[in-house]
């Protein structure tokens, strides 16, 4: 079973592995049922989805009718305006077949113009606060991709007391001194304020280029072998007080769960560098 930790200030003991439901974006209901059954077997009790994740919310809905109490449920909105955010929320509630979302997140909040819209009067933040106050959502978070995310999240936390952050974290990305400095500053603040830290991109191998996209991972080609996934997952999973979100592919999911279940300690830099050389791992984001 995957261990559980308190998810920030929510008073919910979430599994340290969170299911990244982008994996269900093109899934059938039969495939979804098999995946969610596997999650229960591993003790995964936290799901992260979004309206942009294809059929994900629609596929999760039938399970929520029967298993709502088994999962902490998170979704998102990409809208930077009040009305659009409310519309996204109502659609998510309908597709997921629930009355309340546990964690509602601003999706990919990194662009300066979009950030200002979201945080200004008539923006997403107003909808977030109202939705929480009216009981449609319980907690609020921000997410982001790319190299500038830690710095933007720090800016977001200066503006509002969010309950969670979500951002990339893997060995190679953290070799960038600017990224690692901002990341470490962010995690320090999150621990001081009891804000949940969620990490993504742990098993990224390299950017998609001209090669066939044989995996349902949007930003990157993933590591494939159990050996490589073990190293990558064990390195990211070692981050104290954090939660690792699984990659967006059903074929990779069992390998990530297996790796997490067998975690003992973080691989050394020598081991990680050897893996990076062997599998030709590249940064997927750069300054």
Protein backbone atom coordinates (compact mmCIF):
# COMPACT_ATOMS: atom_id res chain seq x y z
CA UNK A 1 0.00 0.00 0.00
CA UNK A 2 1.16 3.54 -0.75
CA UNK A 3 1.73 5.56 2.46
CA UNK A 4 -0.41 8.57 3.28
CA UNK A 5 0.44 12.04 4.59
CA UNK A 6 -1.68 15.00 5.59
CA UNK A 7 -2.37 17.05 2.47
CA UNK A 8 -1.35 20.45 3.71
CA UNK A 9 -3.98 22.16 5.85
CA UNK A 10 -6.89 20.08 4.53
CA UNK A 11 -6.89 17.55 7.37
CA UNK A 12 -7.08 14.83 4.69
CA UNK A 13 -4.56 11.99 4.69
CA UNK A 14 -3.81 11.68 0.97
CA UNK A 15 -1.77 8.91 -0.61
CA UNK A 16 1.72 10.17 -1.39
CA UNK A 17 1.04 9.12 -4.96
CA UNK A 18 -1.79 11.07 -6.60
CA UNK A 19 -3.43 9.65 -9.69
CA UNK A 20 -2.91 11.97 -12.66
CA UNK A 21 -6.18 11.47 -14.51
CA UNK A 22 -4.87 12.81 -17.83
CA UNK A 23 -4.21 9.09 -18.31
CA UNK A 24 -7.96 8.71 -18.87
CA UNK A 25 -8.21 11.40 -21.54
CA UNK A 26 -8.81 8.85 -24.32
CA UNK A 27 -9.85 5.89 -22.17
CA UNK A 28 -12.96 3.78 -22.49
CA UNK A 29 -15.16 3.28 -19.45
CA UNK A 30 -13.93 -0.31 -19.22
CA UNK A 31 -10.31 0.86 -19.17
CA UNK A 32 -11.17 3.50 -16.58
CA UNK A 33 -12.86 0.96 -14.34
CA UNK A 34 -9.75 -1.22 -14.42
CA UNK A 35 -7.47 1.72 -13.59
CA UNK A 36 -9.58 2.95 -10.69
CA UNK A 37 -9.83 -0.57 -9.30
CA UNK A 38 -6.03 -0.73 -9.38
CA UNK A 39 -5.84 2.59 -7.52
CA UNK A 40 -7.94 1.16 -4.69
CA UNK A 41 -5.69 -1.90 -4.52
CA UNK A 42 -2.64 0.35 -4.04
CA UNK A 43 -4.41 2.58 -1.55
CA UNK A 44 -4.48 5.61 -3.86
CA UNK A 45 -7.17 7.93 -2.53
CA UNK A 46 -6.49 11.20 -4.37
CA UNK A 47 -7.36 11.97 -8.01
CA UNK A 48 -6.20 14.99 -10.02
CA UNK A 49 -8.18 15.76 -13.18
CA UNK A 50 -9.21 18.76 -15.32
CA UNK A 51 -11.77 19.73 -17.98
CA UNK A 52 -8.95 19.78 -20.56
CA UNK A 53 -8.13 16.13 -19.89
CA UNK A 54 -10.34 14.81 -22.67
CA UNK A 55 -12.90 12.32 -21.35
CA UNK A 56 -11.31 12.10 -17.91
CA UNK A 57 -14.00 13.80 -15.83
CA UNK A 58 -16.76 12.01 -17.73
CA UNK A 59 -15.10 8.62 -17.15
CA UNK A 60 -14.49 9.26 -13.44
CA UNK A 61 -18.12 10.29 -12.85
CA UNK A 62 -19.66 6.80 -12.63
CA UNK A 63 -17.04 5.84 -10.02
CA UNK A 64 -17.76 8.90 -7.95
CA UNK A 65 -21.40 7.84 -7.69
CA UNK A 66 -20.27 4.70 -5.87
CA UNK A 67 -16.86 5.58 -4.39
CA UNK A 68 -16.98 9.32 -3.62
CA UNK A 69 -15.93 8.78 -0.01
CA UNK A 70 -12.83 6.84 -1.13
CA UNK A 71 -11.22 9.73 -3.01
CA UNK A 72 -10.03 13.28 -2.47
CA UNK A 73 -11.08 14.80 -5.80
CA UNK A 74 -9.24 17.66 -7.49
CA UNK A 75 -10.02 19.41 -10.76
CA UNK A 76 -9.11 22.70 -12.43
CA UNK A 77 -10.11 25.64 -14.62
CA UNK A 78 -8.06 27.36 -17.30
CA UNK A 79 -10.41 30.35 -17.38
CA UNK A 80 -8.91 33.59 -16.13
CA UNK A 81 -12.30 35.25 -15.74
CA UNK A 82 -15.04 34.99 -13.14
CA UNK A 83 -17.84 33.82 -15.45
CA UNK A 84 -15.70 31.30 -17.30
CA UNK A 85 -14.43 29.78 -14.08
CA UNK A 86 -17.95 29.36 -12.71
CA UNK A 87 -19.04 27.71 -15.97
CA UNK A 88 -16.08 25.31 -15.81
CA UNK A 89 -16.92 24.42 -12.22
CA UNK A 90 -20.56 23.68 -12.94
CA UNK A 91 -19.60 21.50 -15.91
CA UNK A 92 -17.02 19.64 -13.82
CA UNK A 93 -19.52 18.99 -11.04
CA UNK A 94 -21.95 17.61 -13.60
CA UNK A 95 -19.44 15.38 -15.40
CA UNK A 96 -17.94 14.11 -12.15
CA UNK A 97 -21.44 13.54 -10.70
CA UNK A 98 -20.59 15.17 -7.38
CA UNK A 99 -21.89 18.06 -5.32
CA UNK A 100 -18.50 19.23 -4.06
CA UNK A 101 -14.92 19.33 -5.36
CA UNK A 102 -12.26 18.84 -2.71
CA UNK A 103 -9.58 20.91 -4.48
CA UNK A 104 -10.22 23.42 -7.27
CA UNK A 105 -7.08 24.68 -9.00
CA UNK A 106 -6.08 27.41 -11.43
CA UNK A 107 -4.71 25.40 -14.33
CA UNK A 108 -1.32 26.37 -15.78
CA UNK A 109 -1.14 29.80 -14.16
CA UNK A 110 2.20 31.05 -15.50
CA UNK A 111 1.55 33.69 -18.16
CA UNK A 112 1.89 37.21 -16.67
CA UNK A 113 -1.11 38.60 -18.55
CA UNK A 114 -3.30 35.65 -17.60
CA UNK A 115 -2.07 35.82 -14.01
CA UNK A 116 -3.07 39.47 -13.71
CA UNK A 117 -6.53 38.76 -15.14
CA UNK A 118 -7.07 35.82 -12.81
CA UNK A 119 -6.05 37.75 -9.72
CA UNK A 120 -7.83 41.03 -10.53
CA UNK A 121 -11.48 42.04 -9.92
CA UNK A 122 -13.73 40.00 -12.21
CA UNK A 123 -11.10 37.29 -12.43
CA UNK A 124 -10.81 33.65 -11.45
CA UNK A 125 -9.85 34.34 -7.85
CA UNK A 126 -13.22 35.95 -7.15
CA UNK A 127 -14.99 32.83 -8.44
CA UNK A 128 -12.69 30.62 -6.37
CA UNK A 129 -13.45 32.43 -3.14
CA UNK A 130 -17.20 32.48 -3.79
CA UNK A 131 -17.27 28.79 -4.76
CA UNK A 132 -15.47 27.91 -1.54
CA UNK A 133 -17.70 30.12 0.57
CA UNK A 134 -20.81 28.57 -0.98
CA UNK A 135 -19.57 25.01 -0.39
CA UNK A 136 -19.05 23.93 -4.01
CA UNK A 137 -15.32 23.48 -3.37
CA UNK A 138 -13.39 22.93 -0.16
CA UNK A 139 -9.84 24.02 -0.96
CA UNK A 140 -8.06 26.13 -3.60
CA UNK A 141 -4.77 25.66 -5.45
CA UNK A 142 -2.53 26.77 -8.31
CA UNK A 143 -0.75 24.65 -10.90
CA UNK A 144 1.84 25.29 -13.59
CA UNK A 145 4.23 23.86 -16.15
CA UNK A 146 7.55 25.21 -17.31
CA UNK A 147 10.72 26.61 -15.82
CA UNK A 148 9.24 29.79 -14.32
CA UNK A 149 6.54 28.08 -12.27
CA UNK A 150 8.20 28.19 -8.82
CA UNK A 151 8.67 31.96 -9.08
CA UNK A 152 5.09 32.50 -10.29
CA UNK A 153 3.72 30.31 -7.50
CA UNK A 154 5.59 32.45 -4.98
CA UNK A 155 3.91 35.48 -6.53
CA UNK A 156 0.51 33.76 -6.30
CA UNK A 157 1.04 32.93 -2.63
CA UNK A 158 1.85 36.57 -1.96
CA UNK A 159 -1.53 37.52 -3.42
CA UNK A 160 -3.68 34.79 -1.83
CA UNK A 161 -3.37 32.00 0.73
CA UNK A 162 -3.80 28.99 -1.58
CA UNK A 163 -3.97 25.52 -0.05
CA UNK A 164 -1.78 23.73 -2.60
CA UNK A 165 0.73 24.18 -5.41
CA UNK A 166 1.60 21.86 -8.30
CA UNK A 167 4.77 22.05 -10.40
CA UNK A 168 7.51 20.04 -12.17
CA UNK A 169 10.15 18.25 -10.14
CA UNK A 170 12.75 15.83 -11.41
CA UNK A 171 16.50 15.36 -11.09
CA UNK A 172 17.54 17.00 -14.32
CA UNK A 173 15.26 20.02 -13.91
CA UNK A 174 16.70 20.62 -10.46
CA UNK A 175 20.22 20.85 -11.91
CA UNK A 176 19.21 24.27 -13.22
CA UNK A 177 20.37 26.56 -10.42
CA UNK A 178 17.74 29.23 -11.05
CA UNK A 179 14.93 26.69 -11.03
CA UNK A 180 16.23 24.88 -7.96
CA UNK A 181 16.71 28.12 -6.03
CA UNK A 182 13.14 29.23 -6.70
CA UNK A 183 11.81 25.71 -6.09
CA UNK A 184 13.54 25.48 -2.72
CA UNK A 185 12.28 28.92 -1.72
CA UNK A 186 8.75 27.85 -2.66
CA UNK A 187 8.87 24.58 -0.74
CA UNK A 188 10.27 26.35 2.31
CA UNK A 189 7.35 28.78 2.27
CA UNK A 190 4.85 25.95 1.72
CA UNK A 191 6.15 24.07 4.74
CA UNK A 192 6.00 27.19 6.89
CA UNK A 193 2.39 27.82 5.85
CA UNK A 194 1.27 24.18 5.63
CA UNK A 195 0.55 24.34 1.90
CA UNK A 196 0.47 21.00 0.06
CA UNK A 197 3.25 20.45 -2.51
CA UNK A 198 2.37 18.37 -5.59
CA UNK A 199 5.04 17.39 -8.13
CA UNK A 200 4.78 16.36 -11.77
CA UNK A 201 7.10 15.28 -14.60
CA UNK A 202 9.05 12.80 -12.47
CA UNK A 203 9.43 10.26 -15.32
CA UNK A 204 10.03 12.74 -18.16
CA UNK A 205 12.69 11.49 -20.56
CA UNK A 206 12.85 14.19 -23.23
CA UNK A 207 10.61 16.51 -25.28
CA UNK A 208 8.45 15.00 -27.98
CA UNK A 209 10.02 15.81 -31.32
CA UNK A 210 9.52 13.86 -34.54
CA UNK A 211 9.28 10.42 -32.96
CA UNK A 212 5.89 8.63 -32.89
CA UNK A 213 3.90 9.48 -29.77
CA UNK A 214 3.41 6.01 -28.36
CA UNK A 215 2.45 7.28 -24.91
CA UNK A 216 -0.35 9.54 -23.73
CA UNK A 217 2.00 12.08 -22.16
CA UNK A 218 1.38 15.58 -23.45
CA UNK A 219 4.63 17.46 -22.84
CA UNK A 220 7.24 14.75 -23.04
CA UNK A 221 8.35 11.27 -23.99
CA UNK A 222 8.40 9.24 -20.76
CA UNK A 223 10.93 6.81 -19.42
CA UNK A 224 9.80 3.28 -20.24
CA UNK A 225 11.76 0.64 -18.37
CA UNK A 226 11.03 -0.31 -14.78
CA UNK A 227 14.68 0.31 -13.89
CA UNK A 228 14.63 3.90 -15.17
CA UNK A 229 11.21 4.64 -13.70
CA UNK A 230 12.38 3.28 -10.33
CA UNK A 231 15.28 5.73 -10.28
CA UNK A 232 13.20 8.72 -11.39
CA UNK A 233 10.28 8.01 -9.07
CA UNK A 234 12.46 7.23 -6.06
CA UNK A 235 14.39 10.46 -6.54
CA UNK A 236 11.26 12.65 -6.72
CA UNK A 237 9.34 10.68 -4.11
CA UNK A 238 12.05 11.40 -1.55
CA UNK A 239 11.04 15.08 -1.35
CA UNK A 240 9.69 15.45 2.17
CA UNK A 241 6.05 16.47 2.67
CA UNK A 242 5.28 16.21 -1.04
CA UNK A 243 2.86 14.28 -3.26
CA UNK A 244 3.88 12.82 -6.62
CA UNK A 245 1.31 12.91 -9.42
CA UNK A 246 1.50 10.00 -11.85
CA UNK A 247 2.24 10.44 -15.55
CA UNK A 248 -0.61 10.72 -18.02
CA UNK A 249 -0.39 7.25 -19.54
CA UNK A 250 -2.14 4.05 -18.46
CA UNK A 251 0.77 1.86 -19.60
CA UNK A 252 3.25 3.74 -17.41
CA UNK A 253 0.94 3.91 -14.38
CA UNK A 254 1.53 0.37 -13.04
CA UNK A 255 5.30 0.89 -13.22
CA UNK A 256 5.09 4.14 -11.25
CA UNK A 257 2.89 2.53 -8.61
CA UNK A 258 5.24 -0.45 -8.36
CA UNK A 259 8.24 1.85 -8.00
CA UNK A 260 6.58 3.90 -5.27
CA UNK A 261 5.53 0.78 -3.39
CA UNK A 262 9.18 -0.38 -3.25
CA UNK A 263 10.68 2.99 -2.29
CA UNK A 264 13.45 2.85 0.32
CA UNK A 265 15.83 5.74 -0.36
CA UNK A 266 16.74 8.38 -2.92
CA UNK A 267 19.26 7.31 -5.59
CA UNK A 268 22.63 9.02 -5.46
CA UNK A 269 23.72 11.68 -7.95
CA UNK A 270 26.05 9.11 -9.50
CA UNK A 271 23.17 6.69 -10.03
CA UNK A 272 20.95 9.40 -11.49
CA UNK A 273 23.63 10.68 -13.84
CA UNK A 274 24.28 7.14 -15.05
CA UNK A 275 20.56 6.67 -15.73
CA UNK A 276 20.38 10.00 -17.56
CA UNK A 277 23.30 9.03 -19.80
CA UNK A 278 21.97 5.52 -20.44
CA UNK A 279 18.47 6.69 -21.41
CA UNK A 280 19.49 9.98 -23.06
CA UNK A 281 17.36 12.04 -20.73
CA UNK A 282 16.96 15.71 -21.62
CA UNK A 283 15.40 18.72 -19.93
CA UNK A 284 11.88 19.32 -21.14
CA UNK A 285 11.86 22.92 -19.90
CA UNK A 286 14.72 25.42 -19.96
CA UNK A 287 15.26 29.08 -19.20
